[in-house]
C-alpha atoms as a PDB file:
ATOM      1  CA  LEU A   1     169.789 119.593 104.798  1.00  0.00           C
ATOM      2  CA  LEU A   2     166.566 119.656 102.762  1.00  0.00           C
ATOM      3  CA  ASN A   3     166.357 115.873 102.793  1.00  0.00           C
ATOM      4  CA  GLN A   4     166.791 115.913 106.564  1.00  0.00           C
ATOM      5  CA  LEU A   5     163.986 118.502 106.883  1.00  0.00           C
ATOM      6  CA  ARG A   6     161.711 116.456 104.626  1.00  0.00           C
ATOM      7  CA  GLY A   7     162.387 113.402 106.766  1.00  0.00           C
ATOM      8  CA  LEU A   8     161.215 115.250 109.882  1.00  0.00           C
ATOM      9  CA  THR A   9     157.755 116.138 108.557  1.00  0.00           C
ATOM     10  CA  ASP A  10     154.647 114.120 109.343  1.00  0.00           C
ATOM     11  CA  GLU A  11     151.686 113.402 107.024  1.00  0.00           C
ATOM     12  CA  GLN A  12     150.345 116.971 107.401  1.00  0.00           C
ATOM     13  CA  GLY A  13     153.737 118.517 106.588  1.00  0.00           C
ATOM     14  CA  SER A  14     154.364 119.826 110.104  1.00  0.00           C
ATOM     15  CA  VAL A  15     157.511 119.303 112.148  1.00  0.00           C
ATOM     16  CA  SER A  16     157.633 118.670 115.871  1.00  0.00           C
ATOM     17  CA  GLY A  17     160.027 120.682 118.042  1.00  0.00           C
ATOM     18  CA  ASP A  18     162.660 118.182 119.290  1.00  0.00           C
ATOM     19  CA  PRO A  19     163.855 116.728 115.960  1.00  0.00           C
ATOM     20  CA  LEU A  20     163.852 120.204 114.466  1.00  0.00           C
ATOM     21  CA  ARG A  21     165.876 121.522 117.403  1.00  0.00           C
ATOM     22  CA  ARG A  22     168.458 118.713 116.988  1.00  0.00           C
ATOM     23  CA  LEU A  23     168.755 119.461 113.288  1.00  0.00           C
ATOM     24  CA  ALA A  24     169.180 123.197 113.950  1.00  0.00           C
ATOM     25  CA  ARG A  25     171.833 122.474 116.578  1.00  0.00           C
ATOM     26  CA  GLY A  26     173.694 120.232 114.131  1.00  0.00           C
ATOM     27  CA  VAL A  27     173.627 122.920 111.440  1.00  0.00           C
ATOM     28  CA  VAL A  28     174.868 125.565 113.864  1.00  0.00           C
ATOM     29  CA  LEU A  29     177.658 123.357 115.162  1.00  0.00           C
ATOM     30  CA  ASN A  30     178.768 122.414 111.634  1.00  0.00           C
ATOM     31  CA  GLU A  31     178.687 125.978 110.331  1.00  0.00           C
ATOM     32  CA  ALA A  32     179.890 127.880 113.390  1.00  0.00           C
ATOM     33  CA  ARG A  33     182.924 125.821 114.365  1.00  0.00           C
ATOM     34  CA  PRO A  34     186.063 125.412 112.343  1.00  0.00           C
ATOM     35  CA  ALA A  35     187.733 122.020 112.092  1.00  0.00           C
ATOM     36  CA  PRO A  36     189.203 121.114 115.493  1.00  0.00           C
ATOM     37  CA  SER A  37     192.920 121.475 116.048  1.00  0.00           C
ATOM     38  CA  LEU A  38     194.956 118.337 116.396  1.00  0.00           C
ATOM     39  CA  ASP A  39     197.201 119.799 119.140  1.00  0.00           C
ATOM     40  CA  ALA A  40     196.816 117.495 122.100  1.00  0.00           C
ATOM     41  CA  GLY A  41     198.443 119.960 124.478  1.00  0.00           C
ATOM     42  CA  GLU A  42     195.802 122.670 124.229  1.00  0.00           C
ATOM     43  CA  GLU A  43     193.403 123.103 127.098  1.00  0.00           C
ATOM     44  CA  GLY A  44     189.860 124.516 126.703  1.00  0.00           C
ATOM     45  CA  PRO A  45     188.061 124.991 123.427  1.00  0.00           C
ATOM     46  CA  PRO A  46     190.242 125.501 120.340  1.00  0.00           C
ATOM     47  CA  GLU A  47     190.635 128.977 118.900  1.00  0.00           C
ATOM     48  CA  GLY A  48     187.675 130.100 116.778  1.00  0.00           C
ATOM     49  CA  TRP A  49     185.017 127.980 118.473  1.00  0.00           C
ATOM     50  CA  LEU A  50     181.870 129.841 119.476  1.00  0.00           C
ATOM     51  CA  ALA A  51     180.739 130.066 123.059  1.00  0.00           C
ATOM     52  CA  GLU A  52     177.843 127.860 124.147  1.00  0.00           C
ATOM     53  CA  GLU A  53     175.569 130.914 124.628  1.00  0.00           C
ATOM     54  CA  VAL A  54     176.197 132.105 121.065  1.00  0.00           C
ATOM     55  CA  ILE A  55     175.438 128.655 119.678  1.00  0.00           C
ATOM     56  CA  LEU A  56     172.201 128.483 121.691  1.00  0.00           C
ATOM     57  CA  ALA A  57     171.191 131.962 120.497  1.00  0.00           C
ATOM     58  CA  LEU A  58     171.861 130.955 116.875  1.00  0.00           C
ATOM     59  CA  GLU A  59     169.880 127.769 117.395  1.00  0.00           C
ATOM     60  CA  GLU A  60     166.918 129.743 118.792  1.00  0.00           C
ATOM     61  CA  ASP A  61     167.078 132.146 115.824  1.00  0.00           C
ATOM     62  CA  ILE A  62     167.019 129.236 113.400  1.00  0.00           C
ATOM     63  CA  MET A  63     164.101 127.662 115.297  1.00  0.00           C
ATOM     64  CA  ARG A  64     162.130 130.918 115.217  1.00  0.00           C
ATOM     65  CA  GLU A  65     162.800 131.293 111.487  1.00  0.00           C
ATOM     66  CA  LEU A  66     161.698 127.714 110.758  1.00  0.00           C
ATOM     67  CA  GLU A  67     158.567 128.137 112.883  1.00  0.00           C
ATOM     68  CA  ARG A  68     157.766 131.428 111.139  1.00  0.00           C
ATOM     69  CA  GLU A  69     158.159 129.783 107.722  1.00  0.00           C
ATOM     70  CA  GLU A  70     155.959 126.892 108.818  1.00  0.00           C
ATOM     71  CA  GLU A  71     153.310 129.346 110.031  1.00  0.00           C
ATOM     72  CA  GLU A  72     153.483 131.309 106.761  1.00  0.00           C
ATOM     73  CA  ASN A  73     153.077 128.076 104.784  1.00  0.00           C
ATOM     74  CA  ALA A  74     150.068 127.120 106.924  1.00  0.00           C
ATOM     75  CA  VAL A  75     148.494 130.556 106.360  1.00  0.00           C
ATOM     76  CA  GLU A  76     149.090 130.328 102.589  1.00  0.00           C
ATOM     77  CA  GLU A  77     147.564 126.841 102.486  1.00  0.00           C
ATOM     78  CA  ALA A  78     144.543 128.030 104.490  1.00  0.00           C
ATOM     79  CA  GLU A  79     144.078 130.980 102.111  1.00  0.00           C
ATOM     80  CA  ARG A  80     144.249 128.623  99.094  1.00  0.00           C
ATOM     81  CA  LEU A  81     141.660 126.330 100.657  1.00  0.00           C
ATOM     82  CA  ILE A  82     139.383 129.258 101.521  1.00  0.00           C
ATOM     83  CA  GLU A  83     139.637 130.607  97.970  1.00  0.00           C
ATOM     84  CA  ALA A  84     138.854 127.185  96.468  1.00  0.00           C
ATOM     85  CA  GLN A  85     135.902 126.767  98.839  1.00  0.00           C
ATOM     86  CA  ASN A  86     134.645 130.248  97.940  1.00  0.00           C
ATOM     87  CA  GLU A  87     134.791 129.445  94.217  1.00  0.00           C
ATOM     88  CA  GLU A  88     132.888 126.197  94.770  1.00  0.00           C
ATOM     89  CA  ASP A  89     130.302 127.975  96.919  1.00  0.00           C
ATOM     90  CA  CYS A  90     129.824 130.694  94.289  1.00  0.00           C
ATOM     91  CA  ALA A  91     129.312 128.107  91.553  1.00  0.00           C
ATOM     92  CA  LEU A  92     126.840 126.216  93.744  1.00  0.00           C
ATOM     93  CA  TYR A  93     124.955 129.418  94.577  1.00  0.00           C
ATOM     94  CA  GLU A  94     124.749 130.411  90.912  1.00  0.00           C
ATOM     95  CA  GLN A  95     123.453 126.926  90.088  1.00  0.00           C
ATOM     96  CA  HIS A  96     120.911 127.171  92.891  1.00  0.00           C
ATOM     97  CA  MET A  97     119.628 130.514  91.636  1.00  0.00           C
ATOM     98  CA  LEU A  98     118.763 129.148  88.194  1.00  0.00           C
ATOM     99  CA  PRO A  99     115.024 128.612  87.715  1.00  0.00           C
ATOM    100  CA  GLY A 100     113.581 125.136  87.266  1.00  0.00           C
ATOM    101  CA  VAL A 101     114.402 121.629  88.470  1.00  0.00           C
ATOM    102  CA  PRO A 102     118.083 120.574  88.501  1.00  0.00           C
ATOM    103  CA  CYS A 103     118.990 117.592  86.330  1.00  0.00           C
ATOM    104  CA  PRO A 104     119.321 114.465  88.509  1.00  0.00           C
ATOM    105  CA  LEU A 105     122.092 113.100  86.273  1.00  0.00           C
ATOM    106  CA  CYS A 106     124.523 115.980  85.737  1.00  0.00           C
ATOM    107  CA  GLY A 107     123.298 118.436  88.370  1.00  0.00           C
ATOM    108  CA  LEU A 108     124.267 121.350  86.126  1.00  0.00           C
ATOM    109  CA  GLY A 109     121.401 121.711  83.706  1.00  0.00           C
ATOM    110  CA  ARG A 110     117.697 122.237  84.247  1.00  0.00           C
ATOM    111  CA  LEU A 111     114.924 119.849  83.290  1.00  0.00           C
ATOM    112  CA  GLU A 112     112.595 120.809  80.436  1.00  0.00           C
ATOM    113  CA  ARG A 113     109.551 119.135  78.901  1.00  0.00           C
ATOM    114  CA  ALA A 114     109.851 118.538  75.173  1.00  0.00           C
ATOM    115  CA  GLU A 115     107.915 116.187  72.879  1.00  0.00           C
ATOM    116  CA  GLY A 116     106.608 113.985  75.701  1.00  0.00           C
ATOM    117  CA  GLU A 117     110.044 113.642  77.296  1.00  0.00           C
ATOM    118  CA  LEU A 118     111.802 115.180  80.212  1.00  0.00           C
ATOM    119  CA  ARG A 119     115.175 116.497  79.029  1.00  0.00           C
ATOM    120  CA  CYS A 120     118.154 118.294  80.483  1.00  0.00           C
ATOM    121  CA  GLY A 121     119.345 121.533  78.950  1.00  0.00           C
ATOM    122  CA  SER A 122     123.006 120.579  79.559  1.00  0.00           C
ATOM    123  CA  CYS A 123     123.481 116.825  79.211  1.00  0.00           C
ATOM    124  CA  ALA A 124     122.333 114.502  76.439  1.00  0.00           C
ATOM    125  CA  GLU A 125     121.862 111.489  78.758  1.00  0.00           C
ATOM    126  CA  MET A 126     118.759 112.883  80.485  1.00  0.00           C
ATOM    127  CA  LYS A 127     115.863 111.923  78.236  1.00  0.00           C
ATOM    128  CA  ALA A 128     113.039 110.131  80.043  1.00  0.00           C
ATOM    129  CA  ALA A 129     109.511 109.508  78.824  1.00  0.00           C
ATOM    130  CA  LEU A 130     106.731 111.362  80.653  1.00  0.00           C
ATOM    131  CA  MET A 131     103.442 109.489  80.896  1.00  0.00           C
ATOM    132  CA  ASP A 132     101.607 112.694  81.807  1.00  0.00           C
ATOM    133  CA  GLU A 133     102.782 115.571  79.618  1.00  0.00           C
ATOM    134  CA  ALA A 134     100.764 118.026  81.724  1.00  0.00           C
ATOM    135  CA  MET A 135     102.643 117.090  84.932  1.00  0.00           C
ATOM    136  CA  PRO A 136     103.889 120.280  86.627  1.00  0.00           C
ATOM    137  CA  MET A 137     107.637 120.617  87.196  1.00  0.00           C
ATOM    138  CA  ASP A 138     106.969 120.863  90.936  1.00  0.00           C
ATOM    139  CA  ASP A 139     105.599 117.311  90.802  1.00  0.00           C
ATOM    140  CA  VAL A 140     108.678 116.168  88.876  1.00  0.00           C
ATOM    141  CA  CYS A 141     110.886 117.644  91.596  1.00  0.00           C
ATOM    142  CA  GLU A 142     108.784 115.949  94.270  1.00  0.00           C
ATOM    143  CA  LEU A 143     109.023 112.552  92.531  1.00  0.00           C
ATOM    144  CA  LEU A 144     112.820 112.834  92.460  1.00  0.00           C
ATOM    145  CA  ALA A 145     112.899 113.617  96.182  1.00  0.00           C
ATOM    146  CA  VAL A 146     110.432 110.825  97.024  1.00  0.00           C
ATOM    147  CA  ALA A 147     112.635 108.265  95.223  1.00  0.00           C
ATOM    148  CA  GLU A 148     115.616 109.260  97.358  1.00  0.00           C
ATOM    149  CA  GLU A 149     113.539 109.327 100.563  1.00  0.00           C
ATOM    150  CA  ARG A 150     112.031 105.881  99.958  1.00  0.00           C
ATOM    151  CA  HIS A 151     115.476 104.398  99.418  1.00  0.00           C
ATOM    152  CA  HIS A 152     116.777 106.017 102.590  1.00  0.00           C
ATOM    153  CA  GLY A 153     113.625 104.945 104.448  1.00  0.00           C
ATOM    154  CA  GLY A 154     114.368 101.372 103.361  1.00  0.00           C
ATOM    155  CA  GLY A 155     117.333 101.396 105.734  1.00  0.00           C
ATOM    156  CA  CYS A 156     120.266 102.021 103.392  1.00  0.00           C
ATOM    157  CA  SER A 157     122.615 104.883 104.277  1.00  0.00           C
ATOM    158  CA  THR A 158     124.475 104.756 100.945  1.00  0.00           C
ATOM    159  CA  ARG A 159     123.528 107.479  98.515  1.00  0.00           C
ATOM    160  CA  GLY A 160     122.123 106.116  95.282  1.00  0.00           C
ATOM    161  CA  HIS A 161     122.146 107.663  91.826  1.00  0.00           C
ATOM    162  CA  PHE A 162     119.725 108.330  89.013  1.00  0.00           C
ATOM    163  CA  GLU A 163     120.137 106.792  85.572  1.00  0.00           C
ATOM    164  CA  VAL A 164     118.168 106.571  82.366  1.00  0.00           C
ATOM    165  CA  SER A 165     117.552 103.058  81.085  1.00  0.00           C
ATOM    166  CA  HIS A 166     116.057 101.815  77.803  1.00  0.00           C
ATOM    167  CA  GLU A 167     115.449  98.258  79.066  1.00  0.00           C
ATOM    168  CA  PHE A 168     111.688  98.399  78.598  1.00  0.00           C
ATOM    169  CA  GLY A 169     111.540 100.236  75.281  1.00  0.00           C
ATOM    170  CA  SER A 170     110.972 103.901  76.080  1.00  0.00           C
ATOM    171  CA  PRO A 171     113.593 105.661  78.197  1.00  0.00           C
ATOM    172  CA  LEU A 172     112.789 105.559  81.928  1.00  0.00           C
ATOM    173  CA  LEU A 173     114.495 107.289  84.836  1.00  0.00           C
ATOM    174  CA  PHE A 174     115.564 104.894  87.623  1.00  0.00           C
ATOM    175  CA  TYR A 175     116.950 105.475  91.092  1.00  0.00           C
ATOM    176  CA  ASN A 176     119.645 102.855  91.831  1.00  0.00           C
ATOM    177  CA  CYS A 177     121.872 102.004  94.755  1.00  0.00           C
ATOM    178  CA  ARG A 178     124.923  99.807  94.363  1.00  0.00           C
ATOM    179  CA  GLY A 179     125.209  99.372  98.143  1.00  0.00           C
ATOM    180  CA  CYS A 180     121.892  97.600  98.689  1.00  0.00           C
ATOM    181  CA  GLY A 181     120.731  96.792  95.143  1.00  0.00           C
ATOM    182  CA  TRP A 182     117.787  99.216  95.259  1.00  0.00           C
ATOM    183  CA  ARG A 183     116.281  99.931  91.836  1.00  0.00           C
ATOM    184  CA  GLU A 184     113.110 101.952  91.413  1.00  0.00           C
ATOM    185  CA  VAL A 185     111.399 103.602  88.454  1.00  0.00           C
ATOM    186  CA  VAL A 186     110.979 107.320  89.099  1.00  0.00           C
ATOM    187  CA  PHE A 187     109.150 108.124  85.820  1.00  0.00           C
END
């Protein structure tokens, strides 16, 4: 029975009415009727068979129960999704409320100036040389945004990513896009 129910579900896990109704009718007929008598002389339904109305009522009860279970499962799934979304939103809000400029690599830490470099408080990868050690953090934030805007303004709709490269000696922060091959030094 469970395998038959699993076979009736679509990609979203829901079941349409007609196949479910046929399955319910089959279950009712198998469970409600005893094995038929082999007496060929009997007329009418054999003794112990349920009337058509009773079978239909049982079928409707089974359908209502299956629909109720499906609705309960949908409500539980919606509650799980809402809870997961709420947790993600809370984490994002807490991250947003932290002072400073978010790290363009990990997105979790905040950028700090230290010893002529721009570093992240959370990840070790973010270490880029600053040519102007007196540059305000607002300008750093603006340079990050400008790099993304220039790439987008170049006609590419793919979102690029930031990376630190040591190709030219000192560590530099680049904005790259695999979709269009964009590569630009941020600082």
